[in-house]
C-alpha atoms as a PDB file:
ATOM      1  CA  UNK A   1      18.897  24.537 -20.246  1.00  0.00           C
ATOM      2  CA  UNK A   2      16.905  23.450 -22.893  1.00  0.00           C
ATOM      3  CA  UNK A   3      13.066  23.403 -22.717  1.00  0.00           C
ATOM      4  CA  UNK A   4      10.789  20.878 -23.307  1.00  0.00           C
ATOM      5  CA  UNK A   5       6.773  20.726 -23.846  1.00  0.00           C
ATOM      6  CA  UNK A   6       5.171  18.009 -22.067  1.00  0.00           C
ATOM      7  CA  UNK A   7       4.091  16.626 -25.130  1.00  0.00           C
ATOM      8  CA  UNK A   8       7.199  16.572 -26.917  1.00  0.00           C
ATOM      9  CA  UNK A   9       8.926  14.531 -23.665  1.00  0.00           C
ATOM     10  CA  UNK A  10       9.724  11.232 -25.011  1.00  0.00           C
ATOM     11  CA  UNK A  11      10.664   9.325 -21.908  1.00  0.00           C
ATOM     12  CA  UNK A  12      12.167   9.854 -18.133  1.00  0.00           C
ATOM     13  CA  UNK A  13      15.564   7.423 -16.893  1.00  0.00           C
ATOM     14  CA  UNK A  14      14.815   5.878 -13.696  1.00  0.00           C
ATOM     15  CA  UNK A  15      17.996   5.348 -11.648  1.00  0.00           C
ATOM     16  CA  UNK A  16      16.499   3.515  -8.815  1.00  0.00           C
ATOM     17  CA  UNK A  17      19.648   0.549  -8.076  1.00  0.00           C
ATOM     18  CA  UNK A  18      20.468   0.276 -11.654  1.00  0.00           C
ATOM     19  CA  UNK A  19      24.041   1.736 -10.748  1.00  0.00           C
ATOM     20  CA  UNK A  20      25.739  -1.056 -10.384  1.00  0.00           C
ATOM     21  CA  UNK A  21      26.024  -3.493 -13.401  1.00  0.00           C
ATOM     22  CA  UNK A  22      27.608  -6.619 -11.082  1.00  0.00           C
ATOM     23  CA  UNK A  23      24.646  -6.243  -8.252  1.00  0.00           C
ATOM     24  CA  UNK A  24      21.892  -6.459 -11.212  1.00  0.00           C
ATOM     25  CA  UNK A  25      21.488 -10.089 -10.445  1.00  0.00           C
ATOM     26  CA  UNK A  26      20.678  -9.960  -6.691  1.00  0.00           C
ATOM     27  CA  UNK A  27      18.640  -7.280  -6.816  1.00  0.00           C
ATOM     28  CA  UNK A  28      16.343  -8.818  -9.323  1.00  0.00           C
ATOM     29  CA  UNK A  29      16.180 -11.723  -7.885  1.00  0.00           C
ATOM     30  CA  UNK A  30      16.052 -10.603  -3.934  1.00  0.00           C
ATOM     31  CA  UNK A  31      12.932  -8.186  -5.715  1.00  0.00           C
ATOM     32  CA  UNK A  32      11.810 -10.907  -7.739  1.00  0.00           C
ATOM     33  CA  UNK A  33      11.000 -13.098  -4.523  1.00  0.00           C
ATOM     34  CA  UNK A  34       9.670 -10.631  -2.177  1.00  0.00           C
ATOM     35  CA  UNK A  35       7.149  -9.437  -5.449  1.00  0.00           C
ATOM     36  CA  UNK A  36       6.323 -12.999  -5.414  1.00  0.00           C
ATOM     37  CA  UNK A  37       5.330 -13.745  -2.173  1.00  0.00           C
ATOM     38  CA  UNK A  38       3.443 -10.193  -1.711  1.00  0.00           C
ATOM     39  CA  UNK A  39       1.065 -11.640  -4.661  1.00  0.00           C
ATOM     40  CA  UNK A  40       0.401 -14.949  -3.950  1.00  0.00           C
ATOM     41  CA  UNK A  41       0.357 -13.903   0.448  1.00  0.00           C
ATOM     42  CA  UNK A  42      -2.293 -11.760   0.038  1.00  0.00           C
ATOM     43  CA  UNK A  43      -3.719 -13.715  -2.491  1.00  0.00           C
ATOM     44  CA  UNK A  44      -4.419 -16.967  -0.410  1.00  0.00           C
ATOM     45  CA  UNK A  45      -5.912 -14.151   2.303  1.00  0.00           C
ATOM     46  CA  UNK A  46      -8.618 -13.319  -0.198  1.00  0.00           C
ATOM     47  CA  UNK A  47      -8.706 -17.317  -1.038  1.00  0.00           C
ATOM     48  CA  UNK A  48      -8.985 -18.162   2.547  1.00  0.00           C
ATOM     49  CA  UNK A  49     -11.559 -14.962   2.939  1.00  0.00           C
ATOM     50  CA  UNK A  50     -13.664 -16.171   0.116  1.00  0.00           C
ATOM     51  CA  UNK A  51     -13.809 -19.751   0.448  1.00  0.00           C
ATOM     52  CA  UNK A  52     -14.488 -20.066   4.819  1.00  0.00           C
ATOM     53  CA  UNK A  53     -18.088 -18.495   5.058  1.00  0.00           C
ATOM     54  CA  UNK A  54     -17.208 -18.375   8.612  1.00  0.00           C
ATOM     55  CA  UNK A  55     -14.549 -15.453   7.937  1.00  0.00           C
ATOM     56  CA  UNK A  56     -16.971 -13.882   6.032  1.00  0.00           C
ATOM     57  CA  UNK A  57     -17.439 -10.926   8.554  1.00  0.00           C
ATOM     58  CA  UNK A  58     -16.500  -6.827   7.991  1.00  0.00           C
ATOM     59  CA  UNK A  59     -13.040  -7.857   9.833  1.00  0.00           C
ATOM     60  CA  UNK A  60     -11.765  -9.938   7.240  1.00  0.00           C
ATOM     61  CA  UNK A  61     -14.051  -8.333   4.192  1.00  0.00           C
ATOM     62  CA  UNK A  62     -12.113  -5.332   4.707  1.00  0.00           C
ATOM     63  CA  UNK A  63      -8.563  -7.658   5.178  1.00  0.00           C
ATOM     64  CA  UNK A  64      -9.203  -9.297   1.704  1.00  0.00           C
ATOM     65  CA  UNK A  65      -9.742  -5.877   0.324  1.00  0.00           C
ATOM     66  CA  UNK A  66      -6.642  -4.487   1.671  1.00  0.00           C
ATOM     67  CA  UNK A  67      -4.536  -7.365  -0.095  1.00  0.00           C
ATOM     68  CA  UNK A  68      -6.241  -6.615  -3.008  1.00  0.00           C
ATOM     69  CA  UNK A  69      -5.183  -3.491  -2.714  1.00  0.00           C
ATOM     70  CA  UNK A  70      -1.989  -4.001  -2.028  1.00  0.00           C
ATOM     71  CA  UNK A  71      -0.973  -6.713  -4.278  1.00  0.00           C
ATOM     72  CA  UNK A  72      -2.127  -3.589  -7.037  1.00  0.00           C
ATOM     73  CA  UNK A  73       0.272  -1.670  -5.084  1.00  0.00           C
ATOM     74  CA  UNK A  74       3.544  -3.557  -5.645  1.00  0.00           C
ATOM     75  CA  UNK A  75       2.465  -4.424  -9.260  1.00  0.00           C
ATOM     76  CA  UNK A  76       2.477  -0.926  -9.870  1.00  0.00           C
ATOM     77  CA  UNK A  77       6.376  -0.307  -9.314  1.00  0.00           C
ATOM     78  CA  UNK A  78       7.936  -3.549  -9.347  1.00  0.00           C
ATOM     79  CA  UNK A  79       7.168  -5.448 -12.369  1.00  0.00           C
ATOM     80  CA  UNK A  80       8.534  -2.183 -13.988  1.00  0.00           C
ATOM     81  CA  UNK A  81      11.560  -2.348 -12.407  1.00  0.00           C
ATOM     82  CA  UNK A  82      12.586  -5.962 -12.417  1.00  0.00           C
ATOM     83  CA  UNK A  83      12.004  -5.278 -17.013  1.00  0.00           C
ATOM     84  CA  UNK A  84      14.592  -2.696 -16.438  1.00  0.00           C
ATOM     85  CA  UNK A  85      16.640  -4.309 -15.223  1.00  0.00           C
ATOM     86  CA  UNK A  86      16.488  -7.739 -17.324  1.00  0.00           C
ATOM     87  CA  UNK A  87      16.235  -5.672 -20.486  1.00  0.00           C
ATOM     88  CA  UNK A  88      19.262  -3.071 -19.184  1.00  0.00           C
ATOM     89  CA  UNK A  89      17.171  -0.394 -19.941  1.00  0.00           C
ATOM     90  CA  UNK A  90      16.546   2.686 -17.706  1.00  0.00           C
ATOM     91  CA  UNK A  91      14.047   4.663 -19.461  1.00  0.00           C
ATOM     92  CA  UNK A  92       9.811   4.623 -19.128  1.00  0.00           C
ATOM     93  CA  UNK A  93       7.717   6.364 -21.572  1.00  0.00           C
ATOM     94  CA  UNK A  94       6.519   9.586 -20.453  1.00  0.00           C
ATOM     95  CA  UNK A  95       2.627   8.479 -20.801  1.00  0.00           C
ATOM     96  CA  UNK A  96       4.033   5.185 -18.520  1.00  0.00           C
ATOM     97  CA  UNK A  97       5.907   7.313 -16.257  1.00  0.00           C
ATOM     98  CA  UNK A  98       2.515   9.503 -15.615  1.00  0.00           C
ATOM     99  CA  UNK A  99       0.435   6.093 -15.335  1.00  0.00           C
ATOM    100  CA  UNK A 100       2.517   4.686 -13.075  1.00  0.00           C
ATOM    101  CA  UNK A 101       2.445   7.891 -10.958  1.00  0.00           C
ATOM    102  CA  UNK A 102      -1.334   7.797 -10.591  1.00  0.00           C
ATOM    103  CA  UNK A 103      -1.932   4.127  -9.796  1.00  0.00           C
ATOM    104  CA  UNK A 104       0.720   4.842  -7.275  1.00  0.00           C
ATOM    105  CA  UNK A 105      -0.527   7.704  -5.480  1.00  0.00           C
ATOM    106  CA  UNK A 106      -4.056   5.616  -5.861  1.00  0.00           C
ATOM    107  CA  UNK A 107      -3.004   2.498  -4.133  1.00  0.00           C
ATOM    108  CA  UNK A 108      -0.654   4.411  -1.518  1.00  0.00           C
ATOM    109  CA  UNK A 109      -4.196   6.760  -0.161  1.00  0.00           C
ATOM    110  CA  UNK A 110      -6.040   3.500  -0.668  1.00  0.00           C
ATOM    111  CA  UNK A 111      -3.997   1.440   1.589  1.00  0.00           C
ATOM    112  CA  UNK A 112      -3.803   4.611   4.315  1.00  0.00           C
ATOM    113  CA  UNK A 113      -7.676   4.811   3.888  1.00  0.00           C
ATOM    114  CA  UNK A 114      -8.869   1.287   4.286  1.00  0.00           C
ATOM    115  CA  UNK A 115      -6.219   0.859   7.114  1.00  0.00           C
ATOM    116  CA  UNK A 116      -8.211   3.696   8.707  1.00  0.00           C
ATOM    117  CA  UNK A 117     -11.926   1.847   8.237  1.00  0.00           C
ATOM    118  CA  UNK A 118     -10.322  -1.280  10.094  1.00  0.00           C
ATOM    119  CA  UNK A 119      -9.555   0.870  12.510  1.00  0.00           C
ATOM    120  CA  UNK A 120     -12.967   2.513  12.915  1.00  0.00           C
ATOM    121  CA  UNK A 121     -13.995  -1.737  12.918  1.00  0.00           C
ATOM    122  CA  UNK A 122     -12.136  -2.523  15.712  1.00  0.00           C
ATOM    123  CA  UNK A 123     -13.351   0.448  17.330  1.00  0.00           C
ATOM    124  CA  UNK A 124     -16.684  -0.619  16.952  1.00  0.00           C
ATOM    125  CA  UNK A 125     -16.315  -4.619  17.851  1.00  0.00           C
ATOM    126  CA  UNK A 126     -14.543  -3.338  21.276  1.00  0.00           C
ATOM    127  CA  UNK A 127     -16.432  -0.511  22.454  1.00  0.00           C
ATOM    128  CA  UNK A 128     -19.826  -1.730  20.648  1.00  0.00           C
ATOM    129  CA  UNK A 129     -20.090  -5.473  21.024  1.00  0.00           C
ATOM    130  CA  UNK A 130     -23.283  -5.936  21.846  1.00  0.00           C
ATOM    131  CA  UNK A 131     -24.612  -3.557  18.329  1.00  0.00           C
ATOM    132  CA  UNK A 132     -21.233  -4.632  16.230  1.00  0.00           C
ATOM    133  CA  UNK A 133     -23.161  -6.212  13.659  1.00  0.00           C
ATOM    134  CA  UNK A 134     -26.103  -3.515  13.512  1.00  0.00           C
ATOM    135  CA  UNK A 135     -23.023  -0.772  12.679  1.00  0.00           C
ATOM    136  CA  UNK A 136     -21.191  -2.610  10.692  1.00  0.00           C
ATOM    137  CA  UNK A 137     -23.491  -3.633   8.413  1.00  0.00           C
ATOM    138  CA  UNK A 138     -23.130  -5.140   4.846  1.00  0.00           C
ATOM    139  CA  UNK A 139     -24.414  -1.574   2.534  1.00  0.00           C
ATOM    140  CA  UNK A 140     -22.063   0.455   5.461  1.00  0.00           C
ATOM    141  CA  UNK A 141     -19.525  -1.536   4.845  1.00  0.00           C
ATOM    142  CA  UNK A 142     -19.223  -1.503   1.145  1.00  0.00           C
ATOM    143  CA  UNK A 143     -20.257   2.127   1.652  1.00  0.00           C
ATOM    144  CA  UNK A 144     -16.656   2.436   3.625  1.00  0.00           C
ATOM    145  CA  UNK A 145     -14.730   1.091   1.442  1.00  0.00           C
ATOM    146  CA  UNK A 146     -16.535   2.734  -2.514  1.00  0.00           C
ATOM    147  CA  UNK A 147     -16.157   6.155  -0.265  1.00  0.00           C
ATOM    148  CA  UNK A 148     -12.190   5.424  -0.214  1.00  0.00           C
ATOM    149  CA  UNK A 149     -11.755   4.799  -3.906  1.00  0.00           C
ATOM    150  CA  UNK A 150     -14.301   7.394  -4.855  1.00  0.00           C
ATOM    151  CA  UNK A 151     -11.646   9.737  -2.876  1.00  0.00           C
ATOM    152  CA  UNK A 152      -8.753   8.061  -3.789  1.00  0.00           C
ATOM    153  CA  UNK A 153      -9.071   8.089  -7.762  1.00  0.00           C
ATOM    154  CA  UNK A 154     -10.706  11.758  -7.245  1.00  0.00           C
ATOM    155  CA  UNK A 155      -7.208  12.985  -6.117  1.00  0.00           C
ATOM    156  CA  UNK A 156      -4.594  10.780  -7.923  1.00  0.00           C
ATOM    157  CA  UNK A 157      -6.983  12.226 -11.379  1.00  0.00           C
ATOM    158  CA  UNK A 158      -6.301  15.800  -9.557  1.00  0.00           C
ATOM    159  CA  UNK A 159      -2.990  15.583  -9.011  1.00  0.00           C
ATOM    160  CA  UNK A 160      -2.254  13.803 -12.251  1.00  0.00           C
ATOM    161  CA  UNK A 161      -3.869  16.595 -14.150  1.00  0.00           C
ATOM    162  CA  UNK A 162      -2.061  19.400 -11.949  1.00  0.00           C
ATOM    163  CA  UNK A 163       1.217  17.537 -13.092  1.00  0.00           C
ATOM    164  CA  UNK A 164       0.539  17.393 -17.118  1.00  0.00           C
ATOM    165  CA  UNK A 165       0.331  20.976 -17.170  1.00  0.00           C
ATOM    166  CA  UNK A 166       4.455  21.191 -15.989  1.00  0.00           C
ATOM    167  CA  UNK A 167       7.633  21.487 -18.119  1.00  0.00           C
ATOM    168  CA  UNK A 168      10.521  18.918 -18.202  1.00  0.00           C
ATOM    169  CA  UNK A 169      13.942  19.464 -19.569  1.00  0.00           C
ATOM    170  CA  UNK A 170      14.505  17.225 -22.644  1.00  0.00           C
ATOM    171  CA  UNK A 171      16.452  14.703 -20.571  1.00  0.00           C
ATOM    172  CA  UNK A 172      15.581  14.137 -17.083  1.00  0.00           C
ATOM    173  CA  UNK A 173      16.870  11.834 -13.971  1.00  0.00           C
ATOM    174  CA  UNK A 174      14.711  10.890 -11.781  1.00  0.00           C
ATOM    175  CA  UNK A 175      16.723   9.375  -8.888  1.00  0.00           C
ATOM    176  CA  UNK A 176      14.235   6.673  -7.838  1.00  0.00           C
ATOM    177  CA  UNK A 177      12.523   3.119  -9.487  1.00  0.00           C
ATOM    178  CA  UNK A 178       9.344   4.364  -9.678  1.00  0.00           C
ATOM    179  CA  UNK A 179       7.585   7.365 -11.011  1.00  0.00           C
ATOM    180  CA  UNK A 180       6.535   9.067  -7.293  1.00  0.00           C
ATOM    181  CA  UNK A 181       4.632  12.337  -7.628  1.00  0.00           C
ATOM    182  CA  UNK A 182       7.108  14.637  -5.052  1.00  0.00           C
ATOM    183  CA  UNK A 183      10.235  13.319  -8.015  1.00  0.00           C
ATOM    184  CA  UNK A 184       8.176  14.668 -10.989  1.00  0.00           C
ATOM    185  CA  UNK A 185       6.975  18.053  -9.496  1.00  0.00           C
ATOM    186  CA  UNK A 186      10.991  18.478  -8.129  1.00  0.00           C
ATOM    187  CA  UNK A 187      12.642  18.087 -11.552  1.00  0.00           C
ATOM    188  CA  UNK A 188       9.761  20.146 -13.792  1.00  0.00           C
ATOM    189  CA  UNK A 189      11.432  23.035 -14.711  1.00  0.00           C
ATOM    190  CA  UNK A 190       7.762  25.066 -14.780  1.00  0.00           C
ATOM    191  CA  UNK A 191       6.531  26.661 -12.000  1.00  0.00           C
ATOM    192  CA  UNK A 192       5.347  24.702  -9.415  1.00  0.00           C
ATOM    193  CA  UNK A 193       3.561  26.934  -6.840  1.00  0.00           C
ATOM    194  CA  UNK A 194       0.215  25.175  -7.817  1.00  0.00           C
ATOM    195  CA  UNK A 195       1.565  21.750  -7.191  1.00  0.00           C
ATOM    196  CA  UNK A 196       3.247  22.249  -4.027  1.00  0.00           C
ATOM    197  CA  UNK A 197       0.061  23.688  -2.367  1.00  0.00           C
ATOM    198  CA  UNK A 198      -2.438  21.239  -3.780  1.00  0.00           C
ATOM    199  CA  UNK A 199       0.425  18.337  -2.248  1.00  0.00           C
ATOM    200  CA  UNK A 200       0.150  20.190   0.745  1.00  0.00           C
ATOM    201  CA  UNK A 201      -3.610  20.258   1.159  1.00  0.00           C
ATOM    202  CA  UNK A 202      -3.620  16.791   0.146  1.00  0.00           C
ATOM    203  CA  UNK A 203      -1.210  15.583   2.929  1.00  0.00           C
ATOM    204  CA  UNK A 204      -2.522  17.214   5.361  1.00  0.00           C
ATOM    205  CA  UNK A 205      -6.639  16.071   4.624  1.00  0.00           C
ATOM    206  CA  UNK A 206      -5.850  13.067   3.399  1.00  0.00           C
ATOM    207  CA  UNK A 207      -3.556  11.870   5.068  1.00  0.00           C
ATOM    208  CA  UNK A 208      -3.612  14.042   8.449  1.00  0.00           C
ATOM    209  CA  UNK A 209      -7.691  13.043   8.838  1.00  0.00           C
ATOM    210  CA  UNK A 210      -6.634   8.683   8.524  1.00  0.00           C
ATOM    211  CA  UNK A 211      -4.150   9.255  11.408  1.00  0.00           C
ATOM    212  CA  UNK A 212      -6.592  10.851  13.644  1.00  0.00           C
ATOM    213  CA  UNK A 213      -9.081   8.480  12.581  1.00  0.00           C
ATOM    214  CA  UNK A 214      -6.815   5.843  13.547  1.00  0.00           C
ATOM    215  CA  UNK A 215      -5.743   7.386  16.840  1.00  0.00           C
ATOM    216  CA  UNK A 216      -8.236   8.312  18.139  1.00  0.00           C
ATOM    217  CA  UNK A 217      -9.897   4.859  17.407  1.00  0.00           C
ATOM    218  CA  UNK A 218      -7.243   3.921  19.238  1.00  0.00           C
ATOM    219  CA  UNK A 219      -7.819   5.576  22.211  1.00  0.00           C
ATOM    220  CA  UNK A 220     -11.504   4.905  22.344  1.00  0.00           C
ATOM    221  CA  UNK A 221      -9.705   0.831  22.209  1.00  0.00           C
ATOM    222  CA  UNK A 222      -7.408   1.463  25.030  1.00  0.00           C
ATOM    223  CA  UNK A 223     -10.022   3.284  27.272  1.00  0.00           C
ATOM    224  CA  UNK A 224     -12.697   0.302  26.452  1.00  0.00           C
ATOM    225  CA  UNK A 225      -9.366  -2.632  27.067  1.00  0.00           C
ATOM    226  CA  UNK A 226      -8.941  -0.663  31.108  1.00  0.00           C
ATOM    227  CA  UNK A 227     -12.378  -1.099  32.462  1.00  0.00           C
ATOM    228  CA  UNK A 228     -12.114  -4.127  31.262  1.00  0.00           C
ATOM    229  CA  UNK A 229     -11.994  -6.597  35.126  1.00  0.00           C
ATOM    230  CA  UNK A 230      -9.887  -9.597  34.024  1.00  0.00           C
ATOM    231  CA  UNK A 231      -6.593  -9.907  32.283  1.00  0.00           C
ATOM    232  CA  UNK A 232      -7.624 -13.011  30.035  1.00  0.00           C
ATOM    233  CA  UNK A 233     -10.401 -10.469  28.938  1.00  0.00           C
ATOM    234  CA  UNK A 234      -8.032  -7.552  28.747  1.00  0.00           C
ATOM    235  CA  UNK A 235      -6.183  -9.987  26.318  1.00  0.00           C
ATOM    236  CA  UNK A 236      -8.491 -11.144  24.339  1.00  0.00           C
ATOM    237  CA  UNK A 237      -9.940  -7.746  23.585  1.00  0.00           C
ATOM    238  CA  UNK A 238      -6.351  -6.441  22.740  1.00  0.00           C
ATOM    239  CA  UNK A 239      -5.281  -9.576  20.504  1.00  0.00           C
ATOM    240  CA  UNK A 240      -8.170  -9.073  18.336  1.00  0.00           C
ATOM    241  CA  UNK A 241      -6.626  -5.675  17.146  1.00  0.00           C
ATOM    242  CA  UNK A 242      -2.875  -6.876  17.800  1.00  0.00           C
ATOM    243  CA  UNK A 243      -1.712  -7.609  14.190  1.00  0.00           C
ATOM    244  CA  UNK A 244      -3.373  -4.128  12.641  1.00  0.00           C
ATOM    245  CA  UNK A 245      -2.265  -2.082  14.821  1.00  0.00           C
ATOM    246  CA  UNK A 246       1.384  -4.133  13.567  1.00  0.00           C
ATOM    247  CA  UNK A 247       0.524  -2.811  10.154  1.00  0.00           C
ATOM    248  CA  UNK A 248      -0.379   0.382  10.730  1.00  0.00           C
ATOM    249  CA  UNK A 249       2.843   0.875  12.997  1.00  0.00           C
ATOM    250  CA  UNK A 250       4.544  -0.583  10.209  1.00  0.00           C
ATOM    251  CA  UNK A 251       2.840   1.412   7.348  1.00  0.00           C
ATOM    252  CA  UNK A 252       3.452   5.170   8.342  1.00  0.00           C
ATOM    253  CA  UNK A 253       6.516   4.618  10.114  1.00  0.00           C
ATOM    254  CA  UNK A 254       7.979   3.501   7.040  1.00  0.00           C
ATOM    255  CA  UNK A 255       6.045   6.162   5.473  1.00  0.00           C
ATOM    256  CA  UNK A 256       7.866   8.860   7.931  1.00  0.00           C
ATOM    257  CA  UNK A 257      11.060   6.641   7.563  1.00  0.00           C
ATOM    258  CA  UNK A 258      11.090   7.320   3.854  1.00  0.00           C
ATOM    259  CA  UNK A 259      10.349  11.454   3.582  1.00  0.00           C
ATOM    260  CA  UNK A 260      12.680  12.329   6.740  1.00  0.00           C
ATOM    261  CA  UNK A 261      15.710  10.065   5.002  1.00  0.00           C
ATOM    262  CA  UNK A 262      15.076  11.923   1.719  1.00  0.00           C
ATOM    263  CA  UNK A 263      14.931  15.491   3.736  1.00  0.00           C
ATOM    264  CA  UNK A 264      17.707  14.209   5.629  1.00  0.00           C
ATOM    265  CA  UNK A 265      20.420  12.708   2.210  1.00  0.00           C
ATOM    266  CA  UNK A 266      20.848  14.039  -1.155  1.00  0.00           C
ATOM    267  CA  UNK A 267      21.412  10.379  -2.020  1.00  0.00           C
ATOM    268  CA  UNK A 268      19.454   9.055  -4.634  1.00  0.00           C
ATOM    269  CA  UNK A 269      20.331   5.183  -3.676  1.00  0.00           C
ATOM    270  CA  UNK A 270      19.257   5.793   0.295  1.00  0.00           C
ATOM    271  CA  UNK A 271      16.068   7.420  -1.277  1.00  0.00           C
ATOM    272  CA  UNK A 272      15.507   4.485  -3.219  1.00  0.00           C
ATOM    273  CA  UNK A 273      16.471   1.708  -0.482  1.00  0.00           C
ATOM    274  CA  UNK A 274      14.127   3.524   2.217  1.00  0.00           C
ATOM    275  CA  UNK A 275      11.292   3.619  -0.162  1.00  0.00           C
ATOM    276  CA  UNK A 276      11.565   0.082  -0.725  1.00  0.00           C
ATOM    277  CA  UNK A 277      10.179  -0.391   3.070  1.00  0.00           C
ATOM    278  CA  UNK A 278       7.099   0.580   2.035  1.00  0.00           C
ATOM    279  CA  UNK A 279       5.602  -0.196  -1.138  1.00  0.00           C
ATOM    280  CA  UNK A 280       7.967  -3.535  -0.934  1.00  0.00           C
ATOM    281  CA  UNK A 281       8.716  -5.048   2.605  1.00  0.00           C
ATOM    282  CA  UNK A 282       5.153  -3.137   4.348  1.00  0.00           C
ATOM    283  CA  UNK A 283       3.087  -5.255   1.587  1.00  0.00           C
ATOM    284  CA  UNK A 284       4.826  -8.280   1.573  1.00  0.00           C
ATOM    285  CA  UNK A 285       4.611  -8.313   5.396  1.00  0.00           C
ATOM    286  CA  UNK A 286       1.188  -7.532   5.897  1.00  0.00           C
ATOM    287  CA  UNK A 287      -0.329 -11.442   5.048  1.00  0.00           C
ATOM    288  CA  UNK A 288       2.570 -12.750   7.495  1.00  0.00           C
ATOM    289  CA  UNK A 289       1.253 -10.175  10.389  1.00  0.00           C
ATOM    290  CA  UNK A 290      -2.219 -11.057   9.975  1.00  0.00           C
ATOM    291  CA  UNK A 291      -2.062 -14.595   9.142  1.00  0.00           C
ATOM    292  CA  UNK A 292       0.600 -16.382  11.969  1.00  0.00           C
ATOM    293  CA  UNK A 293      -1.234 -15.333  14.996  1.00  0.00           C
ATOM    294  CA  UNK A 294      -4.823 -15.887  13.217  1.00  0.00           C
ATOM    295  CA  UNK A 295      -6.328 -19.201  13.897  1.00  0.00           C
ATOM    296  CA  UNK A 296      -9.144 -18.588  11.856  1.00  0.00           C
ATOM    297  CA  UNK A 297      -6.920 -17.141   8.716  1.00  0.00           C
ATOM    298  CA  UNK A 298      -4.482 -20.529   9.072  1.00  0.00           C
ATOM    299  CA  UNK A 299      -7.715 -22.821   9.622  1.00  0.00           C
ATOM    300  CA  UNK A 300      -9.273 -21.210   6.505  1.00  0.00           C
ATOM    301  CA  UNK A 301      -5.445 -21.765   4.611  1.00  0.00           C
ATOM    302  CA  UNK A 302      -5.852 -25.080   5.482  1.00  0.00           C
ATOM    303  CA  UNK A 303      -9.258 -26.580   4.647  1.00  0.00           C
ATOM    304  CA  UNK A 304      -8.671 -24.114   1.346  1.00  0.00           C
ATOM    305  CA  UNK A 305      -5.467 -27.074   0.396  1.00  0.00           C
ATOM    306  CA  UNK A 306      -6.970 -29.506   1.633  1.00  0.00           C
ATOM    307  CA  UNK A 307      -9.775 -29.083  -0.563  1.00  0.00           C
ATOM    308  CA  UNK A 308      -7.280 -27.914  -3.909  1.00  0.00           C
ATOM    309  CA  UNK A 309      -5.721 -31.299  -2.864  1.00  0.00           C
ATOM    310  CA  UNK A 310      -8.368 -33.451  -3.645  1.00  0.00           C
ATOM    311  CA  UNK A 311      -9.652 -31.574  -6.399  1.00  0.00           C
ATOM    312  CA  UNK A 312      -6.990 -31.865  -8.810  1.00  0.00           C
ATOM    313  CA  UNK A 313      -7.294 -34.994 -10.168  1.00  0.00           C
ATOM    314  CA  UNK A 314      -3.906 -37.921  -9.938  1.00  0.00           C
ATOM    315  CA  UNK A 315      -2.292 -38.521 -13.874  1.00  0.00           C
ATOM    316  CA  UNK A 316      -1.293 -42.759 -13.823  1.00  0.00           C
ATOM    317  CA  UNK A 317       1.216 -42.676 -15.643  1.00  0.00           C
END
């Protein structure tokens, strides 16, 4: 095998869903539709929260941040895939691949951290309702989001730096529709011991710690709900965190499914299909989960569209 220095690698081939030419128009239409639904659905959540003063609360502050991250998350991978399908070109440049890998790792981590912060918010709201507004102050909310960004920016930067030291063969085929950290490390020709160790510890610390925080928060929430005497009170308390619990379950189950499927099969098509679940489907479903059963979001969206219609001038021919 002929090895090339990283600076001489011109690009990578993204195999993804480009194997069946006859299915390309259908795949393009499906992914374009899911991408537009994701972007506009999450954008409407942000607009609803920002335009309605009654939604300027900690829970909706974190929700709007999650919606922004979900837009960025899908925008990291799907537009490039759509471009490749449209141009029938599988190539992504080395610089483009590294950039995509960096932002993908960044926004996956942010998703995880924001879900953990939202679990803490629900814990304080249900277990310490009298001190909720004092504890979840604007300063703490901003600090939690800022810390989440700083940790994940530094983590993604570290992962990118140690990938830059790797060498690849002159023709590298990535069995995916985007550049993922684990895939790049597995395809490297040089020693990947440092990369494997950093990925392992990052998974334990940055993946395990948020999950432990979510599990602890919900264990305390369940204990507090069980102590409520009335059935109506229990239902009201649980309904405030049902949407978040659904999103958390969807996020972790799809992530777990991806890595279990990649470990069980070597099929690139199966791996790419499984990845669609948490890279596209989960961000697309989040706005629906938070809005369909949420009267405040529904009311805010109706008010926003009503104001928009009123402000839109009617042009008479």
